[in-house]
Amino acid sequence: MANHCDLTKTSEDLYIHRNTVKYRIKKCEEILGQPIDAPDTSLDNRLALFASEKITF
């Protein structure tokens, strides 16, 4: 999310191969049932991640 769908930058930041990033994104899309780069999905995911960081249990 932070790299705005730039696979190369994401792979460099995570120290993993670019194909691994592509594979993980595909798995997320299968779980969610929608493309990660769709604007509505992206917004929902960003809000969920933001909220999960702010909520303490």
PDB file of N, CA and C in Angstrom:
ATOM      1  N   MET A   1       0.822  -1.198   0.000  1.00  0.00           N
ATOM      2  CA  MET A   1       0.000   0.000   0.000  1.00  0.00           C
ATOM      3  C   MET A   1       0.870   1.267   0.000  1.00  0.00           C
ATOM      4  N   ALA A   2       1.903   1.254   0.784  1.00  0.00           N
ATOM      5  CA  ALA A   2       2.738   2.445   0.894  1.00  0.00           C
ATOM      6  C   ALA A   2       3.480   2.767  -0.393  1.00  0.00           C
ATOM      7  N   ASN A   3       3.692   1.754  -1.210  1.00  0.00           N
ATOM      8  CA  ASN A   3       4.430   1.969  -2.458  1.00  0.00           C
ATOM      9  C   ASN A   3       3.513   2.111  -3.677  1.00  0.00           C
ATOM     10  N   HIS A   4       2.238   2.248  -3.445  1.00  0.00           N
ATOM     11  CA  HIS A   4       1.270   2.514  -4.518  1.00  0.00           C
ATOM     12  C   HIS A   4       1.371   1.497  -5.650  1.00  0.00           C
ATOM     13  N   CYS A   5       1.369   0.225  -5.296  1.00  0.00           N
ATOM     14  CA  CYS A   5       1.378  -0.903  -6.247  1.00  0.00           C
ATOM     15  C   CYS A   5       2.660  -1.002  -7.067  1.00  0.00           C
ATOM     16  N   ASP A   6       3.739  -0.440  -6.600  1.00  0.00           N
ATOM     17  CA  ASP A   6       5.030  -0.579  -7.270  1.00  0.00           C
ATOM     18  C   ASP A   6       5.690  -1.854  -6.752  1.00  0.00           C
ATOM     19  N   LEU A   7       5.623  -2.920  -7.553  1.00  0.00           N
ATOM     20  CA  LEU A   7       6.115  -4.221  -7.130  1.00  0.00           C
ATOM     21  C   LEU A   7       7.619  -4.220  -6.858  1.00  0.00           C
ATOM     22  N   THR A   8       8.364  -3.537  -7.693  1.00  0.00           N
ATOM     23  CA  THR A   8       9.812  -3.505  -7.530  1.00  0.00           C
ATOM     24  C   THR A   8      10.202  -2.827  -6.224  1.00  0.00           C
ATOM     25  N   LYS A   9       9.623  -1.675  -5.944  1.00  0.00           N
ATOM     26  CA  LYS A   9       9.925  -0.943  -4.704  1.00  0.00           C
ATOM     27  C   LYS A   9       9.497  -1.763  -3.485  1.00  0.00           C
ATOM     28  N   THR A  10       8.331  -2.394  -3.567  1.00  0.00           N
ATOM     29  CA  THR A  10       7.846  -3.211  -2.462  1.00  0.00           C
ATOM     30  C   THR A  10       8.777  -4.382  -2.202  1.00  0.00           C
ATOM     31  N   SER A  11       9.207  -5.055  -3.272  1.00  0.00           N
ATOM     32  CA  SER A  11      10.116  -6.190  -3.097  1.00  0.00           C
ATOM     33  C   SER A  11      11.445  -5.746  -2.490  1.00  0.00           C
ATOM     34  N   GLU A  12      11.925  -4.586  -2.887  1.00  0.00           N
ATOM     35  CA  GLU A  12      13.163  -4.065  -2.301  1.00  0.00           C
ATOM     36  C   GLU A  12      12.983  -3.740  -0.822  1.00  0.00           C
ATOM     37  N   ASP A  13      11.860  -3.127  -0.478  1.00  0.00           N
ATOM     38  CA  ASP A  13      11.601  -2.769   0.921  1.00  0.00           C
ATOM     39  C   ASP A  13      11.477  -4.004   1.817  1.00  0.00           C
ATOM     40  N   LEU A  14      10.901  -5.078   1.273  1.00  0.00           N
ATOM     41  CA  LEU A  14      10.681  -6.295   2.051  1.00  0.00           C
ATOM     42  C   LEU A  14      11.814  -7.306   1.923  1.00  0.00           C
ATOM     43  N   TYR A  15      12.794  -6.996   1.072  1.00  0.00           N
ATOM     44  CA  TYR A  15      13.926  -7.895   0.828  1.00  0.00           C
ATOM     45  C   TYR A  15      13.466  -9.267   0.339  1.00  0.00           C
ATOM     46  N   ILE A  16      12.481  -9.264  -0.569  1.00  0.00           N
ATOM     47  CA  ILE A  16      12.011 -10.500  -1.188  1.00  0.00           C
ATOM     48  C   ILE A  16      11.964 -10.298  -2.701  1.00  0.00           C
ATOM     49  N   HIS A  17      11.863 -11.392  -3.426  1.00  0.00           N
ATOM     50  CA  HIS A  17      11.837 -11.328  -4.881  1.00  0.00           C
ATOM     51  C   HIS A  17      10.521 -10.714  -5.360  1.00  0.00           C
ATOM     52  N   ARG A  18      10.598 -10.029  -6.488  1.00  0.00           N
ATOM     53  CA  ARG A  18       9.426  -9.371  -7.071  1.00  0.00           C
ATOM     54  C   ARG A  18       8.293 -10.369  -7.331  1.00  0.00           C
ATOM     55  N   ASN A  19       8.640 -11.576  -7.778  1.00  0.00           N
ATOM     56  CA  ASN A  19       7.615 -12.590  -8.036  1.00  0.00           C
ATOM     57  C   ASN A  19       6.914 -13.036  -6.763  1.00  0.00           C
ATOM     58  N   THR A  20       7.609 -12.987  -5.645  1.00  0.00           N
ATOM     59  CA  THR A  20       6.992 -13.316  -4.364  1.00  0.00           C
ATOM     60  C   THR A  20       5.926 -12.289  -4.011  1.00  0.00           C
ATOM     61  N   VAL A  21       6.214 -11.032  -4.283  1.00  0.00           N
ATOM     62  CA  VAL A  21       5.226  -9.967  -4.040  1.00  0.00           C
ATOM     63  C   VAL A  21       4.002 -10.202  -4.920  1.00  0.00           C
ATOM     64  N   LYS A  22       4.228 -10.504  -6.188  1.00  0.00           N
ATOM     65  CA  LYS A  22       3.119 -10.766  -7.109  1.00  0.00           C
ATOM     66  C   LYS A  22       2.278 -11.951  -6.624  1.00  0.00           C
ATOM     67  N   TYR A  23       2.930 -12.995  -6.165  1.00  0.00           N
ATOM     68  CA  TYR A  23       2.234 -14.182  -5.665  1.00  0.00           C
ATOM     69  C   TYR A  23       1.385 -13.842  -4.440  1.00  0.00           C
ATOM     70  N   ARG A  24       1.965 -13.092  -3.515  1.00  0.00           N
ATOM     71  CA  ARG A  24       1.236 -12.739  -2.292  1.00  0.00           C
ATOM     72  C   ARG A  24       0.047 -11.834  -2.583  1.00  0.00           C
ATOM     73  N   ILE A  25       0.206 -10.926  -3.532  1.00  0.00           N
ATOM     74  CA  ILE A  25      -0.911 -10.060  -3.916  1.00  0.00           C
ATOM     75  C   ILE A  25      -2.027 -10.893  -4.545  1.00  0.00           C
ATOM     76  N   LYS A  26      -1.644 -11.848  -5.386  1.00  0.00           N
ATOM     77  CA  LYS A  26      -2.649 -12.718  -6.011  1.00  0.00           C
ATOM     78  C   LYS A  26      -3.406 -13.505  -4.956  1.00  0.00           C
ATOM     79  N   LYS A  27      -2.704 -14.025  -3.944  1.00  0.00           N
ATOM     80  CA  LYS A  27      -3.357 -14.761  -2.868  1.00  0.00           C
ATOM     81  C   LYS A  27      -4.320 -13.864  -2.089  1.00  0.00           C
ATOM     82  N   CYS A  28      -3.936 -12.628  -1.838  1.00  0.00           N
ATOM     83  CA  CYS A  28      -4.822 -11.678  -1.152  1.00  0.00           C
ATOM     84  C   CYS A  28      -6.076 -11.429  -1.982  1.00  0.00           C
ATOM     85  N   GLU A  29      -5.901 -11.284  -3.288  1.00  0.00           N
ATOM     86  CA  GLU A  29      -7.041 -11.056  -4.173  1.00  0.00           C
ATOM     87  C   GLU A  29      -7.981 -12.251  -4.169  1.00  0.00           C
ATOM     88  N   GLU A  30      -7.424 -13.459  -4.110  1.00  0.00           N
ATOM     89  CA  GLU A  30      -8.263 -14.660  -4.038  1.00  0.00           C
ATOM     90  C   GLU A  30      -9.054 -14.693  -2.737  1.00  0.00           C
ATOM     91  N   ILE A  31      -8.415 -14.340  -1.640  1.00  0.00           N
ATOM     92  CA  ILE A  31      -9.085 -14.342  -0.337  1.00  0.00           C
ATOM     93  C   ILE A  31     -10.181 -13.271  -0.297  1.00  0.00           C
ATOM     94  N   LEU A  32      -9.873 -12.079  -0.799  1.00  0.00           N
ATOM     95  CA  LEU A  32     -10.834 -10.977  -0.769  1.00  0.00           C
ATOM     96  C   LEU A  32     -11.901 -11.090  -1.847  1.00  0.00           C
ATOM     97  N   GLY A  33     -11.595 -11.808  -2.921  1.00  0.00           N
ATOM     98  CA  GLY A  33     -12.549 -11.952  -4.007  1.00  0.00           C
ATOM     99  C   GLY A  33     -12.659 -10.717  -4.878  1.00  0.00           C
ATOM    100  N   GLN A  34     -11.668  -9.858  -4.826  1.00  0.00           N
ATOM    101  CA  GLN A  34     -11.651  -8.650  -5.656  1.00  0.00           C
ATOM    102  C   GLN A  34     -10.220  -8.165  -5.832  1.00  0.00           C
ATOM    103  N   PRO A  35      -9.963  -7.417  -6.903  1.00  0.00           N
ATOM    104  CA  PRO A  35      -8.597  -6.956  -7.147  1.00  0.00           C
ATOM    105  C   PRO A  35      -8.130  -5.943  -6.106  1.00  0.00           C
ATOM    106  N   ILE A  36      -6.887  -6.070  -5.714  1.00  0.00           N
ATOM    107  CA  ILE A  36      -6.299  -5.181  -4.707  1.00  0.00           C
ATOM    108  C   ILE A  36      -6.202  -3.744  -5.203  1.00  0.00           C
ATOM    109  N   ASP A  37      -5.966  -3.576  -6.509  1.00  0.00           N
ATOM    110  CA  ASP A  37      -5.747  -2.228  -7.033  1.00  0.00           C
ATOM    111  C   ASP A  37      -7.029  -1.485  -7.394  1.00  0.00           C
ATOM    112  N   ALA A  38      -8.198  -2.091  -7.158  1.00  0.00           N
ATOM    113  CA  ALA A  38      -9.465  -1.395  -7.383  1.00  0.00           C
ATOM    114  C   ALA A  38      -9.592  -0.276  -6.340  1.00  0.00           C
ATOM    115  N   PRO A  39     -10.022   0.909  -6.746  1.00  0.00           N
ATOM    116  CA  PRO A  39     -10.070   2.041  -5.806  1.00  0.00           C
ATOM    117  C   PRO A  39     -10.869   1.764  -4.530  1.00  0.00           C
ATOM    118  N   ASP A  40     -12.030   1.142  -4.659  1.00  0.00           N
ATOM    119  CA  ASP A  40     -12.843   0.867  -3.469  1.00  0.00           C
ATOM    120  C   ASP A  40     -12.155  -0.126  -2.543  1.00  0.00           C
ATOM    121  N   THR A  41     -11.576  -1.161  -3.122  1.00  0.00           N
ATOM    122  CA  THR A  41     -10.869  -2.164  -2.330  1.00  0.00           C
ATOM    123  C   THR A  41      -9.660  -1.546  -1.644  1.00  0.00           C
ATOM    124  N   SER A  42      -8.928  -0.735  -2.364  1.00  0.00           N
ATOM    125  CA  SER A  42      -7.747  -0.087  -1.806  1.00  0.00           C
ATOM    126  C   SER A  42      -8.118   0.790  -0.618  1.00  0.00           C
ATOM    127  N   LEU A  43      -9.166   1.570  -0.770  1.00  0.00           N
ATOM    128  CA  LEU A  43      -9.608   2.442   0.323  1.00  0.00           C
ATOM    129  C   LEU A  43     -10.045   1.614   1.520  1.00  0.00           C
ATOM    130  N   ASP A  44     -10.838   0.569   1.282  1.00  0.00           N
ATOM    131  CA  ASP A  44     -11.287  -0.292   2.378  1.00  0.00           C
ATOM    132  C   ASP A  44     -10.106  -0.899   3.126  1.00  0.00           C
ATOM    133  N   ASN A  45      -9.123  -1.387   2.374  1.00  0.00           N
ATOM    134  CA  ASN A  45      -7.949  -2.004   2.998  1.00  0.00           C
ATOM    135  C   ASN A  45      -7.139  -0.985   3.793  1.00  0.00           C
ATOM    136  N   ARG A  46      -6.965   0.198   3.247  1.00  0.00           N
ATOM    137  CA  ARG A  46      -6.220   1.231   3.953  1.00  0.00           C
ATOM    138  C   ARG A  46      -6.918   1.634   5.261  1.00  0.00           C
ATOM    139  N   LEU A  47      -8.233   1.775   5.196  1.00  0.00           N
ATOM    140  CA  LEU A  47      -8.986   2.128   6.403  1.00  0.00           C
ATOM    141  C   LEU A  47      -8.926   1.016   7.445  1.00  0.00           C
ATOM    142  N   ALA A  48      -9.028  -0.228   6.986  1.00  0.00           N
ATOM    143  CA  ALA A  48      -8.962  -1.359   7.916  1.00  0.00           C
ATOM    144  C   ALA A  48      -7.592  -1.441   8.582  1.00  0.00           C
ATOM    145  N   LEU A  49      -6.538  -1.248   7.810  1.00  0.00           N
ATOM    146  CA  LEU A  49      -5.185  -1.274   8.378  1.00  0.00           C
ATOM    147  C   LEU A  49      -4.973  -0.129   9.357  1.00  0.00           C
ATOM    148  N   PHE A  50      -5.471   1.057   8.997  1.00  0.00           N
ATOM    149  CA  PHE A  50      -5.346   2.213   9.882  1.00  0.00           C
ATOM    150  C   PHE A  50      -6.073   1.960  11.195  1.00  0.00           C
ATOM    151  N   ALA A  51      -7.298   1.467  11.103  1.00  0.00           N
ATOM    152  CA  ALA A  51      -8.089   1.202  12.297  1.00  0.00           C
ATOM    153  C   ALA A  51      -7.439   0.130  13.162  1.00  0.00           C
ATOM    154  N   SER A  52      -6.899  -0.915  12.540  1.00  0.00           N
ATOM    155  CA  SER A  52      -6.284  -1.989  13.310  1.00  0.00           C
ATOM    156  C   SER A  52      -5.045  -1.516  14.080  1.00  0.00           C
ATOM    157  N   GLU A  53      -4.372  -0.497  13.549  1.00  0.00           N
ATOM    158  CA  GLU A  53      -3.218   0.053  14.253  1.00  0.00           C
ATOM    159  C   GLU A  53      -3.634   0.935  15.425  1.00  0.00           C
ATOM    160  N   LYS A  54      -4.817   1.515  15.360  1.00  0.00           N
ATOM    161  CA  LYS A  54      -5.263   2.436  16.407  1.00  0.00           C
ATOM    162  C   LYS A  54      -6.015   1.755  17.531  1.00  0.00           C
ATOM    163  N   ILE A  55      -6.594   0.602  17.261  1.00  0.00           N
ATOM    164  CA  ILE A  55      -7.396  -0.115  18.269  1.00  0.00           C
ATOM    165  C   ILE A  55      -6.478  -0.905  19.182  1.00  0.00           C
ATOM    166  N   THR A  56      -6.675  -0.736  20.482  1.00  0.00           N
ATOM    167  CA  THR A  56      -5.914  -1.519  21.452  1.00  0.00           C
ATOM    168  C   THR A  56      -6.882  -2.436  22.182  1.00  0.00           C
ATOM    169  N   PHE A  57      -6.418  -3.636  22.450  1.00  0.00           N
ATOM    170  CA  PHE A  57      -7.277  -4.616  23.133  1.00  0.00           C
ATOM    171  C   PHE A  57      -6.841  -4.834  24.539  1.00  0.00           C
TER     172      PHE A  57
END
